[in-house]
Amino acid sequence: MNVQSKPWLVLASIALLGWLVYLLAPVITPFAIAAGLAYLGDPLADRLEHWTIRGWTLGRTLAVVLVFLLMTLILALSLVFLVPLLIDQVELMVAKLPGFAEWVTTTAWPSLAGFMGVDPGILKLSQLTQWVQGYWRELGGAAFTVAGSLGRGGQALLQWLTNLVLVPVVTFYMLRDWDLMVLGVRNLLPRSSLNRVSQIASEIDTVLGAFLRGQLVVMLALGIIYSLGLWLVDIEFAFLIGMGAGLLSIVPYLGSIIGLAVAGAAALFQHHDVLHLALVLGVFMIGQTAEGMVLTPKLVGDQIGLHPVAVIFAVLAGGQLFGFLGILLALPAAAALNVLVRHADEFYRDSDVYKE
């Protein structure tokens, strides 16, 4: 093969792969979810398979069974304890929305406008409230229409049930054979570029593993800190706001900023004093201090190299191009691209073009 034609072959292969992913996105999605779960559980399975109890080694299959049961238990406990609590919080929020809208219209906005020295009538909050209510009713009607059509058709329900069964089955087999699949890909690589590709793949694994495994724990820990703190401060939507802020902390400072704004508004609406607003501010300061000094350094480290803007762009671009599958693949693609760009930069700086 001509050396000059290799880059075009690579570009054509990437374009063809992207086109196939776009066409097969609904089919690939459960396999992508299963691959992500297997990737998260593989390090623990690698440790357990070498455990020796009185001269007897667990082995890969038994280790995978234990990891799979642990993941299933965590998911079941989350559904049993967290989902009902989240539903209660959402129902409470919906019930409080009319009163909150009235408080914003009659109290909060006029006070803020007077402090800023602007005319309160510049923002037609009544029209905004009517628009939100109308949109909410329209959204609810659309949801019932979609639900009715799904009930009549049954195709989407069947696909959902198929994925519900398919994901755990594929996760188990991928988790059991993960090392064999990695070895199979390694054996297909050209021997001349084996070391280079293995080094890049190792760096991608380090970046992606540190970000996903570490950041998931950080998000959960921050959600617990915020929820518990807001509950102690007596905020009605403590769990909803706290866990939402924890999930949004995948982008640094985004979760704390949005959570502080929403919790501050909820504190003013509920208690009408500055004390609870200060207490809410203290809760988020404690959370940020814990994240910056303990959680992120210990669990994530400084080696991930994923800029917050890159994370946001990757998620939005992936969702725009491939839907939910694109969102799932956004962070792995961003981690791989981050490592490739770093190596490309090193290659460029060592080249004669840069030195000349």
Protein backbone atom coordinates (compact mmCIF):
# COMPACT_ATOMS: atom_id res chain seq x y z
CA MET A 1 0.00 0.00 0.00
CA ASN A 2 1.26 3.47 -0.86
CA VAL A 3 2.40 5.35 2.24
CA GLN A 4 0.61 8.53 1.10
CA SER A 5 -2.71 6.70 0.86
CA LYS A 6 -2.65 5.50 4.48
CA PRO A 7 -3.98 8.75 6.05
CA TRP A 8 -6.88 8.79 3.59
CA LEU A 9 -7.64 5.16 4.41
CA VAL A 10 -7.69 5.98 8.12
CA LEU A 11 -9.99 8.96 7.56
CA ALA A 12 -12.31 6.89 5.38
CA SER A 13 -12.42 4.14 8.02
CA ILE A 14 -13.28 6.67 10.74
CA ALA A 15 -16.03 8.20 8.58
CA LEU A 16 -17.47 4.77 7.80
CA LEU A 17 -17.38 3.82 11.48
CA GLY A 18 -19.17 7.04 12.46
CA TRP A 19 -21.84 6.43 9.82
CA LEU A 20 -22.41 2.88 11.04
CA VAL A 21 -22.63 4.06 14.67
CA TYR A 22 -25.21 6.66 13.62
CA LEU A 23 -27.33 4.06 11.83
CA LEU A 24 -27.03 1.37 14.52
CA ALA A 25 -27.27 3.67 17.57
CA PRO A 26 -30.44 2.03 19.03
CA VAL A 27 -28.82 -1.41 18.73
CA ILE A 28 -25.40 -0.35 20.01
CA THR A 29 -26.74 1.56 23.05
CA PRO A 30 -27.34 -1.45 25.39
CA PHE A 31 -23.95 -2.88 24.40
CA ALA A 32 -22.30 0.47 25.16
CA ILE A 33 -23.97 0.55 28.59
CA ALA A 34 -22.84 -3.02 29.25
CA ALA A 35 -19.29 -2.20 28.13
CA GLY A 36 -19.21 0.79 30.49
CA LEU A 37 -20.38 -1.30 33.43
CA ALA A 38 -17.85 -4.01 32.59
CA TYR A 39 -15.09 -1.41 32.36
CA LEU A 40 -16.00 -0.05 35.79
CA GLY A 41 -16.12 -3.49 37.37
CA ASP A 42 -13.03 -5.01 35.70
CA PRO A 43 -10.38 -3.69 38.18
CA LEU A 44 -12.24 -5.21 41.14
CA ALA A 45 -12.70 -8.48 39.27
CA ASP A 46 -8.96 -8.53 38.47
CA ARG A 47 -8.16 -8.24 42.18
CA LEU A 48 -10.70 -10.81 43.33
CA GLU A 49 -9.72 -13.48 40.80
CA HIS A 50 -6.29 -13.81 42.42
CA TRP A 51 -7.61 -14.08 45.97
CA THR A 52 -6.49 -17.27 47.67
CA ILE A 53 -8.46 -18.83 50.53
CA ARG A 54 -6.68 -21.79 52.16
CA GLY A 55 -4.84 -22.56 48.96
CA TRP A 56 -7.92 -22.21 46.77
CA THR A 57 -8.00 -19.37 44.22
CA LEU A 58 -11.32 -17.77 43.34
CA GLY A 59 -10.71 -17.64 39.60
CA ARG A 60 -12.13 -15.27 37.00
CA THR A 61 -15.67 -16.64 36.76
CA LEU A 62 -16.37 -16.61 40.50
CA ALA A 63 -14.78 -13.18 40.85
CA VAL A 64 -17.02 -11.86 38.07
CA VAL A 65 -20.08 -13.40 39.76
CA LEU A 66 -19.22 -11.60 43.01
CA VAL A 67 -18.65 -8.27 41.25
CA PHE A 68 -21.84 -8.69 39.25
CA LEU A 69 -23.85 -9.42 42.40
CA LEU A 70 -22.31 -6.40 44.11
CA MET A 71 -23.26 -4.10 41.21
CA THR A 72 -26.77 -5.56 41.15
CA LEU A 73 -27.12 -5.01 44.91
CA ILE A 74 -26.01 -1.39 44.63
CA LEU A 75 -28.50 -0.77 41.82
CA ALA A 76 -31.33 -2.50 43.73
CA LEU A 77 -30.67 -0.50 46.91
CA SER A 78 -30.59 2.70 44.87
CA LEU A 79 -33.96 1.90 43.33
CA VAL A 80 -35.50 0.90 46.66
CA PHE A 81 -34.30 3.83 48.77
CA LEU A 82 -33.39 6.70 46.48
CA VAL A 83 -36.12 6.59 43.81
CA PRO A 84 -39.10 6.85 46.23
CA LEU A 85 -37.37 9.69 48.06
CA LEU A 86 -36.68 11.46 44.78
CA ILE A 87 -40.30 11.04 43.69
CA ASP A 88 -41.53 12.53 46.98
CA GLN A 89 -39.22 15.51 46.54
CA VAL A 90 -40.41 16.11 42.97
CA GLU A 91 -44.07 15.91 44.04
CA LEU A 92 -43.38 18.38 46.84
CA MET A 93 -41.63 20.72 44.43
CA VAL A 94 -44.52 20.59 41.95
CA ALA A 95 -46.97 21.35 44.76
CA LYS A 96 -44.88 24.33 45.86
CA LEU A 97 -44.32 25.79 42.39
CA PRO A 98 -47.40 28.08 42.28
CA GLY A 99 -46.53 29.59 45.67
CA PHE A 100 -42.89 29.97 44.66
CA ALA A 101 -43.88 31.70 41.40
CA GLU A 102 -46.13 34.10 43.32
CA TRP A 103 -43.32 34.84 45.82
CA VAL A 104 -40.90 35.60 42.98
CA THR A 105 -43.44 37.87 41.31
CA THR A 106 -44.56 39.82 44.36
CA THR A 107 -41.52 39.79 46.65
CA ALA A 108 -38.20 38.55 45.27
CA TRP A 109 -38.09 40.32 41.91
CA PRO A 110 -39.33 43.73 43.14
CA SER A 111 -36.75 43.66 45.95
CA LEU A 112 -33.97 42.65 43.57
CA ALA A 113 -35.03 45.23 40.99
CA GLY A 114 -35.06 47.95 43.66
CA PHE A 115 -31.58 46.91 44.82
CA MET A 116 -30.29 47.03 41.22
CA GLY A 117 -32.06 50.30 40.52
CA VAL A 118 -34.14 49.05 37.59
CA ASP A 119 -37.84 49.20 36.86
CA PRO A 120 -39.60 46.05 38.15
CA GLY A 121 -41.93 46.21 35.16
CA ILE A 122 -39.05 45.56 32.76
CA LEU A 123 -39.61 41.85 33.28
CA LYS A 124 -43.18 40.70 32.77
CA LEU A 125 -43.16 37.92 35.35
CA SER A 126 -46.89 37.35 35.00
CA GLN A 127 -46.47 36.59 31.32
CA LEU A 128 -43.47 34.41 32.12
CA THR A 129 -45.49 32.49 34.72
CA GLN A 130 -48.34 31.99 32.26
CA TRP A 131 -45.89 30.79 29.62
CA VAL A 132 -44.29 28.31 32.03
CA GLN A 133 -47.68 27.00 33.13
CA GLY A 134 -48.82 26.65 29.52
CA TYR A 135 -45.62 24.90 28.54
CA TRP A 136 -45.94 22.59 31.54
CA ARG A 137 -49.49 21.64 30.53
CA GLU A 138 -48.41 21.14 26.92
CA LEU A 139 -45.50 18.98 28.04
CA GLY A 140 -47.77 16.92 30.27
CA GLY A 141 -50.26 16.44 27.44
CA ALA A 142 -47.48 15.39 25.09
CA ALA A 143 -46.19 12.94 27.68
CA PHE A 144 -49.63 11.35 28.03
CA THR A 145 -49.97 11.20 24.24
CA VAL A 146 -46.61 9.49 23.88
CA ALA A 147 -47.41 7.13 26.74
CA GLY A 148 -50.71 6.26 25.10
CA SER A 149 -49.12 5.63 21.74
CA LEU A 150 -46.45 3.47 23.35
CA GLY A 151 -49.14 1.53 25.14
CA ARG A 152 -50.99 0.93 21.89
CA GLY A 153 -47.96 0.11 19.80
CA GLY A 154 -45.99 -1.85 22.34
CA GLN A 155 -42.85 -1.76 20.19
CA ALA A 156 -40.97 0.67 22.44
CA LEU A 157 -42.04 -1.27 25.54
CA LEU A 158 -40.78 -4.48 23.97
CA GLN A 159 -37.46 -2.83 23.10
CA TRP A 160 -37.14 -1.49 26.65
CA LEU A 161 -37.76 -4.93 28.14
CA THR A 162 -35.28 -6.46 25.70
CA ASN A 163 -32.61 -3.98 26.75
CA LEU A 164 -33.46 -4.59 30.40
CA VAL A 165 -32.60 -8.26 29.92
CA LEU A 166 -29.80 -7.72 27.43
CA VAL A 167 -27.70 -5.24 29.44
CA PRO A 168 -27.01 -7.48 32.48
CA VAL A 169 -26.37 -10.55 30.31
CA VAL A 170 -23.91 -8.72 28.05
CA THR A 171 -22.33 -7.04 31.09
CA PHE A 172 -21.64 -10.41 32.70
CA TYR A 173 -20.00 -11.92 29.61
CA MET A 174 -18.02 -8.77 28.83
CA LEU A 175 -16.81 -8.59 32.42
CA ARG A 176 -15.78 -12.25 32.35
CA ASP A 177 -13.94 -12.00 29.02
CA TRP A 178 -12.70 -8.40 29.30
CA ASP A 179 -9.02 -9.30 29.53
CA LEU A 180 -9.37 -11.76 26.65
CA MET A 181 -10.99 -9.09 24.45
CA VAL A 182 -8.21 -6.63 25.25
CA LEU A 183 -5.62 -9.30 24.46
CA GLY A 184 -7.38 -10.10 21.18
CA VAL A 185 -7.23 -6.47 20.09
CA ARG A 186 -3.58 -6.30 21.12
CA ASN A 187 -2.75 -9.35 19.00
CA LEU A 188 -4.29 -7.68 15.92
CA LEU A 189 -2.01 -4.64 16.13
CA PRO A 190 0.96 -4.39 13.74
CA ARG A 191 4.10 -5.50 15.57
CA SER A 192 5.98 -2.38 14.48
CA SER A 193 3.55 -0.07 16.28
CA LEU A 194 2.62 -2.35 19.18
CA ASN A 195 4.60 -0.54 21.86
CA ARG A 196 3.46 2.91 20.77
CA VAL A 197 -0.22 1.96 20.56
CA SER A 198 -0.03 0.07 23.88
CA GLN A 199 1.45 3.14 25.56
CA ILE A 200 -1.30 5.40 24.19
CA ALA A 201 -4.01 2.89 25.17
CA SER A 202 -2.55 2.65 28.67
CA GLU A 203 -2.62 6.43 29.04
CA ILE A 204 -6.21 6.58 27.77
CA ASP A 205 -7.19 3.90 30.28
CA THR A 206 -5.49 5.85 33.08
CA VAL A 207 -7.24 9.10 32.17
CA LEU A 208 -10.64 7.53 31.58
CA GLY A 209 -10.49 5.25 34.63
CA ALA A 210 -9.42 8.04 36.96
CA PHE A 211 -12.12 10.33 35.62
CA LEU A 212 -15.02 7.86 35.57
CA ARG A 213 -14.38 5.83 38.72
CA GLY A 214 -13.02 8.71 40.76
CA GLN A 215 -15.50 11.32 39.57
CA LEU A 216 -18.48 9.04 40.18
CA VAL A 217 -17.44 8.64 43.81
CA VAL A 218 -16.81 12.39 44.13
CA MET A 219 -20.25 13.16 42.68
CA LEU A 220 -21.94 10.73 45.07
CA ALA A 221 -19.99 12.05 48.07
CA LEU A 222 -20.82 15.67 47.23
CA GLY A 223 -24.47 14.77 46.73
CA ILE A 224 -24.57 13.20 50.19
CA ILE A 225 -22.75 16.18 51.77
CA TYR A 226 -25.05 18.73 50.14
CA SER A 227 -28.23 16.73 50.86
CA LEU A 228 -27.34 16.11 54.50
CA GLY A 229 -26.25 19.69 55.05
CA LEU A 230 -29.38 21.17 53.47
CA TRP A 231 -31.52 18.75 55.49
CA LEU A 232 -29.85 19.95 58.70
CA VAL A 233 -30.50 23.53 57.61
CA ASP A 234 -34.18 22.57 57.16
CA ILE A 235 -34.55 23.00 53.40
CA GLU A 236 -37.57 21.14 52.07
CA PHE A 237 -35.97 20.06 48.78
CA ALA A 238 -32.70 19.04 50.42
CA PHE A 239 -32.30 15.67 48.71
CA LEU A 240 -33.37 16.88 45.26
CA ILE A 241 -31.12 19.95 45.32
CA GLY A 242 -28.20 18.19 46.97
CA MET A 243 -28.08 15.18 44.67
CA GLY A 244 -28.66 17.39 41.63
CA ALA A 245 -25.72 19.59 42.64
CA GLY A 246 -23.62 16.47 43.19
CA LEU A 247 -24.41 15.10 39.73
CA LEU A 248 -23.67 18.44 38.07
CA SER A 249 -20.29 18.54 39.80
CA ILE A 250 -18.95 16.41 36.95
CA VAL A 251 -18.13 19.89 35.61
CA PRO A 252 -16.09 21.73 38.29
CA TYR A 253 -18.00 24.51 40.09
CA LEU A 254 -21.13 24.04 37.94
CA GLY A 255 -22.91 21.89 40.54
CA SER A 256 -22.02 24.18 43.44
CA ILE A 257 -23.07 27.36 41.59
CA ILE A 258 -26.43 26.01 40.42
CA GLY A 259 -27.07 24.19 43.71
CA LEU A 260 -26.26 27.32 45.73
CA ALA A 261 -28.56 29.45 43.60
CA VAL A 262 -31.49 27.02 43.84
CA ALA A 263 -30.96 26.24 47.53
CA GLY A 264 -30.62 29.95 48.33
CA ALA A 265 -33.89 30.73 46.58
CA ALA A 266 -35.58 27.82 48.38
CA ALA A 267 -34.25 29.07 51.75
CA LEU A 268 -35.54 32.61 51.17
CA PHE A 269 -38.91 31.31 49.99
CA GLN A 270 -39.29 28.92 52.91
CA HIS A 271 -37.82 30.89 55.86
CA HIS A 272 -37.73 34.55 54.67
CA ASP A 273 -34.53 35.37 56.55
CA VAL A 274 -30.84 35.89 55.88
CA LEU A 275 -29.74 33.34 58.50
CA HIS A 276 -30.82 30.30 56.51
CA LEU A 277 -29.31 31.81 53.37
CA ALA A 278 -25.99 32.08 55.22
CA LEU A 279 -26.35 28.50 56.44
CA VAL A 280 -26.94 27.30 52.88
CA LEU A 281 -23.83 29.18 51.78
CA GLY A 282 -21.91 27.46 54.58
CA VAL A 283 -23.08 24.03 53.40
CA PHE A 284 -21.77 24.59 49.89
CA MET A 285 -18.52 26.09 51.19
CA ILE A 286 -17.98 22.93 53.24
CA GLY A 287 -18.74 20.79 50.19
CA GLN A 288 -16.32 22.74 47.98
CA THR A 289 -13.62 22.58 50.64
CA ALA A 290 -14.06 18.83 50.99
CA GLU A 291 -13.95 18.39 47.22
CA GLY A 292 -10.86 20.54 46.69
CA MET A 293 -8.80 19.32 49.66
CA VAL A 294 -9.88 15.69 50.13
CA LEU A 295 -12.19 14.14 47.53
CA THR A 296 -10.67 15.16 44.20
CA PRO A 297 -6.98 14.83 45.21
CA LYS A 298 -7.55 11.42 46.80
CA LEU A 299 -10.06 9.88 44.38
CA VAL A 300 -9.42 11.53 41.01
CA GLY A 301 -5.93 13.01 41.15
CA ASP A 302 -4.31 15.53 38.87
CA GLN A 303 -3.67 13.19 35.95
CA ILE A 304 -7.04 13.23 34.20
CA GLY A 305 -6.31 16.30 32.08
CA LEU A 306 -9.93 16.72 30.95
CA HIS A 307 -10.80 20.41 30.88
CA PRO A 308 -14.37 21.28 31.99
CA VAL A 309 -15.06 22.99 28.65
CA ALA A 310 -13.94 19.84 26.83
CA VAL A 311 -16.31 17.75 28.96
CA ILE A 312 -19.27 20.05 28.22
CA PHE A 313 -18.52 20.18 24.50
CA ALA A 314 -18.03 16.42 24.27
CA VAL A 315 -21.34 15.65 25.95
CA LEU A 316 -23.30 18.21 23.88
CA ALA A 317 -21.65 17.22 20.60
CA GLY A 318 -22.14 13.51 21.27
CA GLY A 319 -25.80 14.02 22.11
CA GLN A 320 -26.34 16.13 19.00
CA LEU A 321 -24.68 13.61 16.66
CA PHE A 322 -25.71 10.24 18.10
CA GLY A 323 -28.38 10.92 20.74
CA PHE A 324 -28.19 9.02 24.02
CA LEU A 325 -25.46 6.77 22.63
CA GLY A 326 -23.37 9.85 21.89
CA ILE A 327 -23.73 11.00 25.49
CA LEU A 328 -22.50 7.61 26.70
CA LEU A 329 -19.51 7.67 24.35
CA ALA A 330 -18.66 11.34 24.88
CA LEU A 331 -16.32 10.98 27.85
CA PRO A 332 -14.37 7.98 26.47
CA ALA A 333 -13.96 9.81 23.18
CA ALA A 334 -12.85 12.98 24.97
CA ALA A 335 -10.31 11.04 27.06
CA ALA A 336 -8.90 9.31 23.98
CA LEU A 337 -8.77 12.55 22.00
CA ASN A 338 -7.07 14.31 24.90
CA VAL A 339 -4.26 11.71 24.95
CA LEU A 340 -3.93 11.70 21.16
CA VAL A 341 -3.67 15.49 21.05
CA ARG A 342 -0.96 15.40 23.71
CA HIS A 343 1.05 12.85 21.73
CA ALA A 344 0.50 14.79 18.51
CA ASP A 345 1.82 17.91 20.24
CA GLU A 346 4.93 16.03 21.40
CA PHE A 347 5.48 14.64 17.89
CA TYR A 348 5.11 18.10 16.37
CA ARG A 349 7.56 19.71 18.80
CA ASP A 350 10.13 17.01 18.05
CA SER A 351 9.70 17.39 14.29
CA ASP A 352 11.91 19.35 11.94
CA VAL A 353 8.94 21.55 10.96
CA TYR A 354 8.68 22.97 14.49
CA LYS A 355 12.43 23.27 15.04
CA GLU A 356 13.02 25.07 11.78
